[in-house]
Amino acid sequence: MTHSKKHTANDFNDAIELMFFAYRDFIADPDTLLAAHEFGRAHHRVLHFVATNPGISIADLLDILRVTKQSLARVLRELIDTQYIEQSIGQDDRRKRLLHLTPKGHDLHSQLIAPQIRRFEAVLLQLGEPAFEQWKKTMRHVINSENRDATDALIDRSRRADTSRRGADGDKV
């Protein structure tokens, strides 16, 4: 592997360690909330993507999470049984199962992302808009190149879903 003259292996090791530590701290608050419900990070991921993609099919959720049907089924069953997620039959294709958060699920998801939003608000305040936007571009390039377009589409879809749930002033409708 070759490195530019400006960057050494240590710089990349630093970046790797920063990613580990940032993720550890980013997920710590939600982990505490999840534990109180006897849930784990898999539950968090499912809640998040169902919240940001209302009506997502199980097949699409499997594609996003890249987990086995068996592992998703276990987590999904727990979230449905505890009334955080509800499942409906697709209107166009009755074989499809579409997922939505219940009011209880929306409440938990809001609690889980609140400390993460506060963390990003603090980062934005500290670094400013240009650096924050550059960080998002950097994170996008950490994603495998063959997955970037799908990730962009998913983010765009979740942003549109969020906008449709909120009024022009950003408050929930």
N, C-alpha and C. Protein backbone atom coordinates (compact mmCIF):
# COMPACT_ATOMS: atom_id res chain seq x y z
N MET A 1 0.85 -1.18 0.00
CA MET A 1 0.00 0.00 0.00
C MET A 1 0.89 1.23 0.00
N THR A 2 0.56 2.19 -0.83
CA THR A 2 1.35 3.42 -0.88
C THR A 2 0.55 4.54 -0.23
N HIS A 3 1.26 5.44 0.40
CA HIS A 3 0.65 6.59 1.05
C HIS A 3 1.26 7.84 0.45
N SER A 4 0.50 8.91 0.41
CA SER A 4 1.06 10.16 -0.07
C SER A 4 2.14 10.62 0.91
N LYS A 5 2.99 11.50 0.44
CA LYS A 5 4.08 11.99 1.29
C LYS A 5 3.56 12.71 2.52
N LYS A 6 2.39 13.30 2.42
CA LYS A 6 1.83 14.05 3.54
C LYS A 6 1.26 13.13 4.63
N HIS A 7 0.84 11.94 4.26
CA HIS A 7 0.17 11.06 5.21
C HIS A 7 0.97 9.78 5.42
N THR A 8 1.02 9.36 6.66
CA THR A 8 1.73 8.13 7.00
C THR A 8 0.73 7.09 7.48
N ALA A 9 1.21 5.89 7.68
CA ALA A 9 0.36 4.83 8.22
C ALA A 9 -0.22 5.24 9.56
N ASN A 10 0.54 6.00 10.34
CA ASN A 10 0.03 6.47 11.63
C ASN A 10 -1.19 7.35 11.48
N ASP A 11 -1.21 8.19 10.43
CA ASP A 11 -2.38 9.04 10.20
C ASP A 11 -3.62 8.18 9.97
N PHE A 12 -3.46 7.12 9.20
CA PHE A 12 -4.59 6.25 8.91
C PHE A 12 -4.97 5.44 10.15
N ASN A 13 -4.00 5.01 10.92
CA ASN A 13 -4.30 4.33 12.19
C ASN A 13 -5.06 5.26 13.12
N ASP A 14 -4.64 6.53 13.14
CA ASP A 14 -5.35 7.53 13.95
C ASP A 14 -6.81 7.61 13.52
N ALA A 15 -7.04 7.67 12.22
CA ALA A 15 -8.41 7.77 11.69
C ALA A 15 -9.22 6.53 12.07
N ILE A 16 -8.60 5.37 11.98
CA ILE A 16 -9.29 4.13 12.34
C ILE A 16 -9.68 4.15 13.82
N GLU A 17 -8.75 4.54 14.67
CA GLU A 17 -9.04 4.59 16.10
C GLU A 17 -10.10 5.65 16.40
N LEU A 18 -10.04 6.78 15.73
CA LEU A 18 -11.06 7.81 15.94
C LEU A 18 -12.45 7.29 15.57
N MET A 19 -12.53 6.50 14.48
CA MET A 19 -13.81 5.91 14.09
C MET A 19 -14.33 4.98 15.20
N PHE A 20 -13.44 4.14 15.73
CA PHE A 20 -13.85 3.23 16.81
C PHE A 20 -14.34 4.00 18.03
N PHE A 21 -13.57 5.00 18.46
CA PHE A 21 -13.93 5.74 19.66
C PHE A 21 -15.18 6.60 19.44
N ALA A 22 -15.29 7.20 18.27
CA ALA A 22 -16.48 8.00 17.97
C ALA A 22 -17.72 7.12 17.99
N TYR A 23 -17.64 5.95 17.36
CA TYR A 23 -18.79 5.05 17.35
C TYR A 23 -19.14 4.59 18.77
N ARG A 24 -18.11 4.26 19.55
CA ARG A 24 -18.35 3.83 20.94
C ARG A 24 -19.15 4.89 21.70
N ASP A 25 -18.74 6.13 21.58
CA ASP A 25 -19.40 7.20 22.32
C ASP A 25 -20.75 7.58 21.70
N PHE A 26 -20.83 7.52 20.38
CA PHE A 26 -22.06 7.85 19.66
C PHE A 26 -23.19 6.90 20.03
N ILE A 27 -22.86 5.65 20.29
CA ILE A 27 -23.87 4.63 20.54
C ILE A 27 -24.11 4.39 22.04
N ALA A 28 -23.29 4.99 22.90
CA ALA A 28 -23.37 4.71 24.34
C ALA A 28 -24.72 5.08 24.94
N ASP A 29 -25.22 6.27 24.65
CA ASP A 29 -26.52 6.68 25.23
C ASP A 29 -27.66 5.79 24.74
N PRO A 30 -27.76 5.55 23.43
CA PRO A 30 -28.81 4.62 22.99
C PRO A 30 -28.65 3.22 23.60
N ASP A 31 -27.42 2.75 23.77
CA ASP A 31 -27.22 1.42 24.37
C ASP A 31 -27.85 1.34 25.76
N THR A 32 -27.71 2.40 26.54
CA THR A 32 -28.27 2.44 27.89
C THR A 32 -29.79 2.36 27.84
N LEU A 33 -30.40 3.14 26.94
CA LEU A 33 -31.86 3.10 26.78
C LEU A 33 -32.33 1.73 26.28
N LEU A 34 -31.61 1.18 25.34
CA LEU A 34 -31.97 -0.14 24.80
C LEU A 34 -31.91 -1.21 25.88
N ALA A 35 -30.88 -1.16 26.70
CA ALA A 35 -30.72 -2.16 27.75
C ALA A 35 -31.90 -2.13 28.73
N ALA A 36 -32.42 -0.94 28.98
CA ALA A 36 -33.57 -0.83 29.88
C ALA A 36 -34.80 -1.54 29.31
N HIS A 37 -34.83 -1.72 28.00
CA HIS A 37 -35.94 -2.43 27.33
C HIS A 37 -35.57 -3.87 27.00
N GLU A 38 -34.37 -4.27 27.43
CA GLU A 38 -33.81 -5.58 27.09
C GLU A 38 -33.66 -5.77 25.59
N PHE A 39 -33.28 -4.67 24.92
CA PHE A 39 -33.00 -4.67 23.49
C PHE A 39 -31.52 -4.41 23.27
N GLY A 40 -31.06 -4.67 22.06
CA GLY A 40 -29.67 -4.44 21.70
C GLY A 40 -29.56 -3.58 20.45
N ARG A 41 -28.36 -3.51 19.92
CA ARG A 41 -28.10 -2.66 18.76
C ARG A 41 -28.85 -3.11 17.51
N ALA A 42 -29.12 -4.39 17.39
CA ALA A 42 -29.90 -4.86 16.24
C ALA A 42 -31.31 -4.27 16.29
N HIS A 43 -31.88 -4.19 17.48
CA HIS A 43 -33.21 -3.58 17.64
C HIS A 43 -33.15 -2.10 17.25
N HIS A 44 -32.06 -1.44 17.66
CA HIS A 44 -31.89 -0.02 17.35
C HIS A 44 -31.85 0.20 15.84
N ARG A 45 -31.09 -0.62 15.14
CA ARG A 45 -30.99 -0.47 13.68
C ARG A 45 -32.34 -0.69 13.01
N VAL A 46 -33.06 -1.70 13.44
CA VAL A 46 -34.38 -1.96 12.86
C VAL A 46 -35.31 -0.79 13.14
N LEU A 47 -35.38 -0.35 14.40
CA LEU A 47 -36.22 0.79 14.74
C LEU A 47 -35.87 2.01 13.90
N HIS A 48 -34.58 2.26 13.73
CA HIS A 48 -34.15 3.44 12.99
C HIS A 48 -34.61 3.39 11.53
N PHE A 49 -34.34 2.29 10.87
CA PHE A 49 -34.67 2.24 9.44
C PHE A 49 -36.17 2.10 9.19
N VAL A 50 -36.91 1.53 10.12
CA VAL A 50 -38.37 1.53 9.97
C VAL A 50 -38.90 2.95 10.23
N ALA A 51 -38.31 3.65 11.19
CA ALA A 51 -38.73 5.03 11.47
C ALA A 51 -38.46 5.96 10.29
N THR A 52 -37.33 5.80 9.67
CA THR A 52 -36.95 6.72 8.59
C THR A 52 -37.46 6.28 7.23
N ASN A 53 -38.04 5.09 7.16
CA ASN A 53 -38.59 4.56 5.90
C ASN A 53 -39.94 3.89 6.18
N PRO A 54 -40.95 4.68 6.58
CA PRO A 54 -42.24 4.09 6.92
C PRO A 54 -42.79 3.26 5.75
N GLY A 55 -43.27 2.08 6.08
CA GLY A 55 -43.81 1.19 5.05
C GLY A 55 -42.75 0.38 4.35
N ILE A 56 -41.55 0.34 4.92
CA ILE A 56 -40.46 -0.44 4.31
C ILE A 56 -40.83 -1.93 4.33
N SER A 57 -40.46 -2.61 3.26
CA SER A 57 -40.73 -4.05 3.21
C SER A 57 -39.62 -4.79 3.98
N ILE A 58 -39.94 -5.98 4.39
CA ILE A 58 -38.94 -6.79 5.08
C ILE A 58 -37.76 -7.07 4.15
N ALA A 59 -38.04 -7.31 2.88
CA ALA A 59 -36.96 -7.56 1.91
C ALA A 59 -36.02 -6.36 1.80
N ASP A 60 -36.59 -5.15 1.76
CA ASP A 60 -35.75 -3.95 1.68
C ASP A 60 -34.95 -3.75 2.97
N LEU A 61 -35.57 -4.05 4.10
CA LEU A 61 -34.87 -3.94 5.38
C LEU A 61 -33.71 -4.93 5.44
N LEU A 62 -33.93 -6.14 4.96
CA LEU A 62 -32.85 -7.13 4.89
C LEU A 62 -31.70 -6.62 4.03
N ASP A 63 -32.03 -5.98 2.92
CA ASP A 63 -31.01 -5.44 2.02
C ASP A 63 -30.19 -4.34 2.69
N ILE A 64 -30.85 -3.48 3.43
CA ILE A 64 -30.16 -2.39 4.13
C ILE A 64 -29.25 -2.94 5.23
N LEU A 65 -29.79 -3.82 6.05
CA LEU A 65 -29.08 -4.30 7.23
C LEU A 65 -28.04 -5.38 6.91
N ARG A 66 -28.25 -6.08 5.81
CA ARG A 66 -27.36 -7.18 5.43
C ARG A 66 -27.16 -8.18 6.56
N VAL A 67 -28.31 -8.64 7.04
CA VAL A 67 -28.32 -9.68 8.06
C VAL A 67 -29.12 -10.85 7.51
N THR A 68 -29.07 -11.97 8.18
CA THR A 68 -29.83 -13.13 7.75
C THR A 68 -31.31 -12.93 8.06
N LYS A 69 -32.15 -13.63 7.32
CA LYS A 69 -33.59 -13.59 7.59
C LYS A 69 -33.87 -14.04 9.01
N GLN A 70 -33.12 -15.05 9.45
CA GLN A 70 -33.32 -15.60 10.79
C GLN A 70 -33.04 -14.56 11.87
N SER A 71 -31.94 -13.83 11.75
CA SER A 71 -31.62 -12.84 12.78
C SER A 71 -32.59 -11.67 12.75
N LEU A 72 -32.99 -11.23 11.55
CA LEU A 72 -33.98 -10.17 11.46
C LEU A 72 -35.32 -10.64 12.03
N ALA A 73 -35.71 -11.85 11.72
CA ALA A 73 -37.00 -12.37 12.19
C ALA A 73 -37.07 -12.36 13.71
N ARG A 74 -35.99 -12.73 14.37
CA ARG A 74 -35.98 -12.75 15.84
C ARG A 74 -36.18 -11.33 16.39
N VAL A 75 -35.41 -10.38 15.89
CA VAL A 75 -35.48 -9.00 16.37
C VAL A 75 -36.85 -8.39 16.03
N LEU A 76 -37.30 -8.61 14.82
CA LEU A 76 -38.58 -8.07 14.39
C LEU A 76 -39.72 -8.64 15.21
N ARG A 77 -39.67 -9.93 15.49
CA ARG A 77 -40.71 -10.57 16.30
C ARG A 77 -40.77 -9.91 17.68
N GLU A 78 -39.62 -9.65 18.29
CA GLU A 78 -39.60 -9.00 19.61
C GLU A 78 -40.19 -7.59 19.54
N LEU A 79 -39.86 -6.84 18.48
CA LEU A 79 -40.36 -5.47 18.35
C LEU A 79 -41.86 -5.45 18.04
N ILE A 80 -42.34 -6.44 17.31
CA ILE A 80 -43.77 -6.53 17.03
C ILE A 80 -44.52 -6.99 18.27
N ASP A 81 -44.00 -8.01 18.94
CA ASP A 81 -44.67 -8.53 20.14
C ASP A 81 -44.75 -7.50 21.26
N THR A 82 -43.76 -6.61 21.33
CA THR A 82 -43.76 -5.58 22.37
C THR A 82 -44.39 -4.28 21.88
N GLN A 83 -44.99 -4.33 20.70
CA GLN A 83 -45.78 -3.24 20.13
C GLN A 83 -44.99 -1.96 19.82
N TYR A 84 -43.75 -2.14 19.36
CA TYR A 84 -42.96 -1.01 18.86
C TYR A 84 -43.08 -0.89 17.35
N ILE A 85 -43.35 -2.00 16.69
CA ILE A 85 -43.49 -2.04 15.23
C ILE A 85 -44.76 -2.80 14.91
N GLU A 86 -45.44 -2.33 13.86
CA GLU A 86 -46.58 -3.07 13.35
C GLU A 86 -46.32 -3.44 11.90
N GLN A 87 -46.96 -4.50 11.50
CA GLN A 87 -46.75 -5.07 10.17
C GLN A 87 -48.08 -5.05 9.43
N SER A 88 -48.04 -4.64 8.16
CA SER A 88 -49.27 -4.68 7.36
C SER A 88 -48.98 -5.39 6.05
N ILE A 89 -50.05 -5.75 5.37
CA ILE A 89 -49.93 -6.45 4.09
C ILE A 89 -49.89 -5.40 2.99
N GLY A 90 -48.99 -5.58 2.02
CA GLY A 90 -48.88 -4.65 0.90
C GLY A 90 -50.14 -4.62 0.07
N GLN A 91 -50.53 -3.44 -0.39
CA GLN A 91 -51.75 -3.32 -1.20
C GLN A 91 -51.52 -3.82 -2.62
N ASP A 92 -50.34 -3.54 -3.18
CA ASP A 92 -50.03 -3.97 -4.54
C ASP A 92 -49.61 -5.43 -4.60
N ASP A 93 -48.92 -5.87 -3.56
CA ASP A 93 -48.44 -7.25 -3.51
C ASP A 93 -48.74 -7.79 -2.12
N ARG A 94 -49.75 -8.62 -2.03
CA ARG A 94 -50.20 -9.11 -0.73
C ARG A 94 -49.18 -10.02 -0.04
N ARG A 95 -48.15 -10.44 -0.77
CA ARG A 95 -47.10 -11.25 -0.16
C ARG A 95 -46.13 -10.39 0.64
N LYS A 96 -46.09 -9.09 0.33
CA LYS A 96 -45.17 -8.18 1.03
C LYS A 96 -45.69 -7.83 2.41
N ARG A 97 -44.77 -7.77 3.34
CA ARG A 97 -45.07 -7.31 4.69
C ARG A 97 -44.40 -5.96 4.86
N LEU A 98 -45.21 -4.94 5.15
CA LEU A 98 -44.71 -3.58 5.28
C LEU A 98 -44.66 -3.20 6.76
N LEU A 99 -43.60 -2.51 7.13
CA LEU A 99 -43.35 -2.22 8.54
C LEU A 99 -43.52 -0.73 8.84
N HIS A 100 -44.11 -0.46 9.99
CA HIS A 100 -44.31 0.90 10.48
C HIS A 100 -44.06 0.90 11.98
N LEU A 101 -43.59 2.03 12.49
CA LEU A 101 -43.50 2.18 13.94
C LEU A 101 -44.89 2.47 14.49
N THR A 102 -45.14 1.95 15.65
CA THR A 102 -46.35 2.31 16.40
C THR A 102 -46.04 3.63 17.13
N PRO A 103 -47.02 4.26 17.75
CA PRO A 103 -46.71 5.45 18.57
C PRO A 103 -45.64 5.14 19.64
N LYS A 104 -45.74 3.97 20.23
CA LYS A 104 -44.75 3.54 21.23
C LYS A 104 -43.37 3.42 20.57
N GLY A 105 -43.32 2.92 19.34
CA GLY A 105 -42.07 2.81 18.61
C GLY A 105 -41.49 4.16 18.25
N HIS A 106 -42.36 5.10 17.84
CA HIS A 106 -41.89 6.46 17.54
C HIS A 106 -41.28 7.10 18.79
N ASP A 107 -41.93 6.89 19.92
CA ASP A 107 -41.42 7.46 21.18
C ASP A 107 -40.04 6.91 21.52
N LEU A 108 -39.87 5.60 21.41
CA LEU A 108 -38.56 5.00 21.71
C LEU A 108 -37.52 5.47 20.71
N HIS A 109 -37.86 5.50 19.43
CA HIS A 109 -36.90 5.95 18.42
C HIS A 109 -36.48 7.39 18.70
N SER A 110 -37.43 8.24 19.06
CA SER A 110 -37.09 9.64 19.38
C SER A 110 -36.13 9.72 20.56
N GLN A 111 -36.36 8.89 21.57
CA GLN A 111 -35.46 8.87 22.73
C GLN A 111 -34.06 8.39 22.33
N LEU A 112 -34.01 7.41 21.43
CA LEU A 112 -32.72 6.85 21.02
C LEU A 112 -31.89 7.84 20.20
N ILE A 113 -32.55 8.59 19.32
CA ILE A 113 -31.77 9.48 18.46
C ILE A 113 -31.52 10.86 19.08
N ALA A 114 -32.28 11.21 20.12
CA ALA A 114 -32.12 12.54 20.72
C ALA A 114 -30.68 12.82 21.16
N PRO A 115 -30.00 11.92 21.89
CA PRO A 115 -28.62 12.23 22.28
C PRO A 115 -27.67 12.26 21.08
N GLN A 116 -27.99 11.50 20.05
CA GLN A 116 -27.14 11.50 18.85
C GLN A 116 -27.31 12.81 18.09
N ILE A 117 -28.54 13.31 18.03
CA ILE A 117 -28.77 14.61 17.39
C ILE A 117 -28.05 15.70 18.18
N ARG A 118 -28.16 15.67 19.51
CA ARG A 118 -27.47 16.67 20.33
C ARG A 118 -25.96 16.62 20.10
N ARG A 119 -25.42 15.43 19.96
CA ARG A 119 -23.98 15.27 19.71
C ARG A 119 -23.61 15.94 18.39
N PHE A 120 -24.40 15.70 17.33
CA PHE A 120 -24.10 16.32 16.04
C PHE A 120 -24.34 17.83 16.06
N GLU A 121 -25.33 18.27 16.81
CA GLU A 121 -25.53 19.72 16.95
C GLU A 121 -24.31 20.38 17.59
N ALA A 122 -23.74 19.72 18.60
CA ALA A 122 -22.54 20.25 19.26
C ALA A 122 -21.35 20.26 18.30
N VAL A 123 -21.22 19.21 17.51
CA VAL A 123 -20.13 19.15 16.52
C VAL A 123 -20.29 20.27 15.51
N LEU A 124 -21.49 20.45 15.00
CA LEU A 124 -21.76 21.50 14.02
C LEU A 124 -21.43 22.87 14.61
N LEU A 125 -21.83 23.09 15.85
CA LEU A 125 -21.55 24.36 16.51
C LEU A 125 -20.05 24.58 16.66
N GLN A 126 -19.34 23.52 17.01
CA GLN A 126 -17.90 23.62 17.23
C GLN A 126 -17.12 23.79 15.93
N LEU A 127 -17.49 23.04 14.90
CA LEU A 127 -16.71 23.03 13.66
C LEU A 127 -17.21 24.00 12.61
N GLY A 128 -18.49 24.27 12.62
CA GLY A 128 -19.10 25.10 11.59
C GLY A 128 -19.63 24.26 10.44
N GLU A 129 -20.51 24.89 9.67
CA GLU A 129 -21.19 24.21 8.57
C GLU A 129 -20.24 23.63 7.52
N PRO A 130 -19.24 24.38 7.03
CA PRO A 130 -18.37 23.80 5.98
C PRO A 130 -17.65 22.52 6.43
N ALA A 131 -17.12 22.52 7.65
CA ALA A 131 -16.41 21.33 8.14
C ALA A 131 -17.38 20.17 8.34
N PHE A 132 -18.58 20.47 8.83
CA PHE A 132 -19.58 19.42 9.03
C PHE A 132 -19.97 18.79 7.70
N GLU A 133 -20.19 19.61 6.68
CA GLU A 133 -20.54 19.11 5.35
C GLU A 133 -19.38 18.29 4.77
N GLN A 134 -18.15 18.73 5.01
CA GLN A 134 -16.99 17.97 4.54
C GLN A 134 -16.90 16.62 5.25
N TRP A 135 -17.22 16.61 6.53
CA TRP A 135 -17.22 15.34 7.27
C TRP A 135 -18.24 14.38 6.67
N LYS A 136 -19.44 14.89 6.32
CA LYS A 136 -20.45 14.01 5.71
C LYS A 136 -19.95 13.47 4.37
N LYS A 137 -19.26 14.31 3.60
CA LYS A 137 -18.69 13.83 2.33
C LYS A 137 -17.64 12.75 2.60
N THR A 138 -16.83 12.96 3.62
CA THR A 138 -15.81 11.98 3.97
C THR A 138 -16.46 10.65 4.36
N MET A 139 -17.49 10.71 5.20
CA MET A 139 -18.17 9.48 5.61
C MET A 139 -18.76 8.76 4.40
N ARG A 140 -19.29 9.52 3.46
CA ARG A 140 -19.85 8.91 2.25
C ARG A 140 -18.77 8.13 1.51
N HIS A 141 -17.55 8.65 1.49
CA HIS A 141 -16.47 7.98 0.77
C HIS A 141 -15.87 6.81 1.56
N VAL A 142 -16.20 6.70 2.82
CA VAL A 142 -15.80 5.52 3.59
C VAL A 142 -16.69 4.33 3.19
N ILE A 143 -17.90 4.64 2.74
CA ILE A 143 -18.83 3.60 2.26
C ILE A 143 -18.27 3.02 0.97
N ASN A 144 -18.37 1.71 0.81
CA ASN A 144 -17.91 1.07 -0.43
C ASN A 144 -18.53 1.77 -1.64
N SER A 145 -17.73 2.01 -2.65
CA SER A 145 -18.18 2.78 -3.82
C SER A 145 -19.43 2.18 -4.46
N GLU A 146 -19.53 0.86 -4.50
CA GLU A 146 -20.69 0.24 -5.13
C GLU A 146 -21.97 0.40 -4.31
N ASN A 147 -21.86 0.87 -3.07
CA ASN A 147 -23.03 1.06 -2.21
C ASN A 147 -23.43 2.53 -2.06
N ARG A 148 -22.63 3.44 -2.58
CA ARG A 148 -22.89 4.87 -2.34
C ARG A 148 -24.20 5.35 -2.94
N ASP A 149 -24.50 4.95 -4.17
CA ASP A 149 -25.73 5.42 -4.81
C ASP A 149 -26.96 4.92 -4.04
N ALA A 150 -26.94 3.67 -3.63
CA ALA A 150 -28.06 3.12 -2.86
C ALA A 150 -28.18 3.83 -1.51
N THR A 151 -27.05 4.15 -0.90
CA THR A 151 -27.07 4.86 0.38
C THR A 151 -27.62 6.27 0.18
N ASP A 152 -27.18 6.94 -0.88
CA ASP A 152 -27.71 8.28 -1.17
C ASP A 152 -29.21 8.24 -1.37
N ALA A 153 -29.70 7.24 -2.11
CA ALA A 153 -31.13 7.11 -2.36
C ALA A 153 -31.89 6.85 -1.06
N LEU A 154 -31.33 6.02 -0.20
CA LEU A 154 -31.96 5.73 1.08
C LEU A 154 -32.03 6.99 1.95
N ILE A 155 -30.94 7.74 2.01
CA ILE A 155 -30.92 8.98 2.80
C ILE A 155 -31.93 9.98 2.23
N ASP A 156 -31.99 10.09 0.90
CA ASP A 156 -32.93 11.00 0.27
C ASP A 156 -34.37 10.59 0.58
N ARG A 157 -34.65 9.29 0.48
CA ARG A 157 -35.99 8.78 0.77
C ARG A 157 -36.37 9.04 2.22
N SER A 158 -35.43 8.83 3.15
CA SER A 158 -35.76 9.05 4.56
C SER A 158 -35.93 10.54 4.84
N ARG A 159 -35.17 11.38 4.15
CA ARG A 159 -35.33 12.83 4.32
C ARG A 159 -36.71 13.27 3.82
N ARG A 160 -37.13 12.73 2.67
CA ARG A 160 -38.47 13.06 2.14
C ARG A 160 -39.56 12.57 3.10
N ALA A 161 -39.39 11.39 3.65
CA ALA A 161 -40.38 10.86 4.60
C ALA A 161 -40.45 11.74 5.84
N ASP A 162 -39.30 12.20 6.31
CA ASP A 162 -39.26 13.08 7.49
C ASP A 162 -39.91 14.41 7.18
N THR A 163 -39.64 14.96 6.00
CA THR A 163 -40.23 16.24 5.60
C THR A 163 -41.74 16.13 5.50
N SER A 164 -42.24 15.01 5.00
CA SER A 164 -43.69 14.84 4.87
C SER A 164 -44.37 14.71 6.24
N ARG A 165 -43.63 14.27 7.27
CA ARG A 165 -44.19 14.15 8.61
C ARG A 165 -44.09 15.46 9.38
N ARG A 166 -43.35 16.41 8.85
CA ARG A 166 -43.14 17.68 9.55
C ARG A 166 -43.77 18.82 8.76
N GLY A 167 -44.12 19.88 9.44
CA GLY A 167 -44.63 21.07 8.76
C GLY A 167 -43.48 21.89 8.20
N ALA A 168 -43.78 22.99 7.58
CA ALA A 168 -42.77 23.86 6.97
C ALA A 168 -41.78 24.39 8.00
N ASP A 169 -42.22 24.53 9.25
CA ASP A 169 -41.31 25.05 10.29
C ASP A 169 -40.50 23.97 10.96
N GLY A 170 -40.63 22.71 10.50
CA GLY A 170 -39.83 21.63 11.04
C GLY A 170 -40.45 20.91 12.21
N ASP A 171 -41.61 21.39 12.68
CA ASP A 171 -42.29 20.71 13.78
C ASP A 171 -43.09 19.54 13.25
N LYS A 172 -43.31 18.57 14.11
CA LYS A 172 -44.10 17.40 13.70
C LYS A 172 -45.53 17.84 13.41
N VAL A 173 -46.09 17.25 12.37
CA VAL A 173 -47.46 17.56 11.96
C VAL A 173 -48.42 16.75 12.81
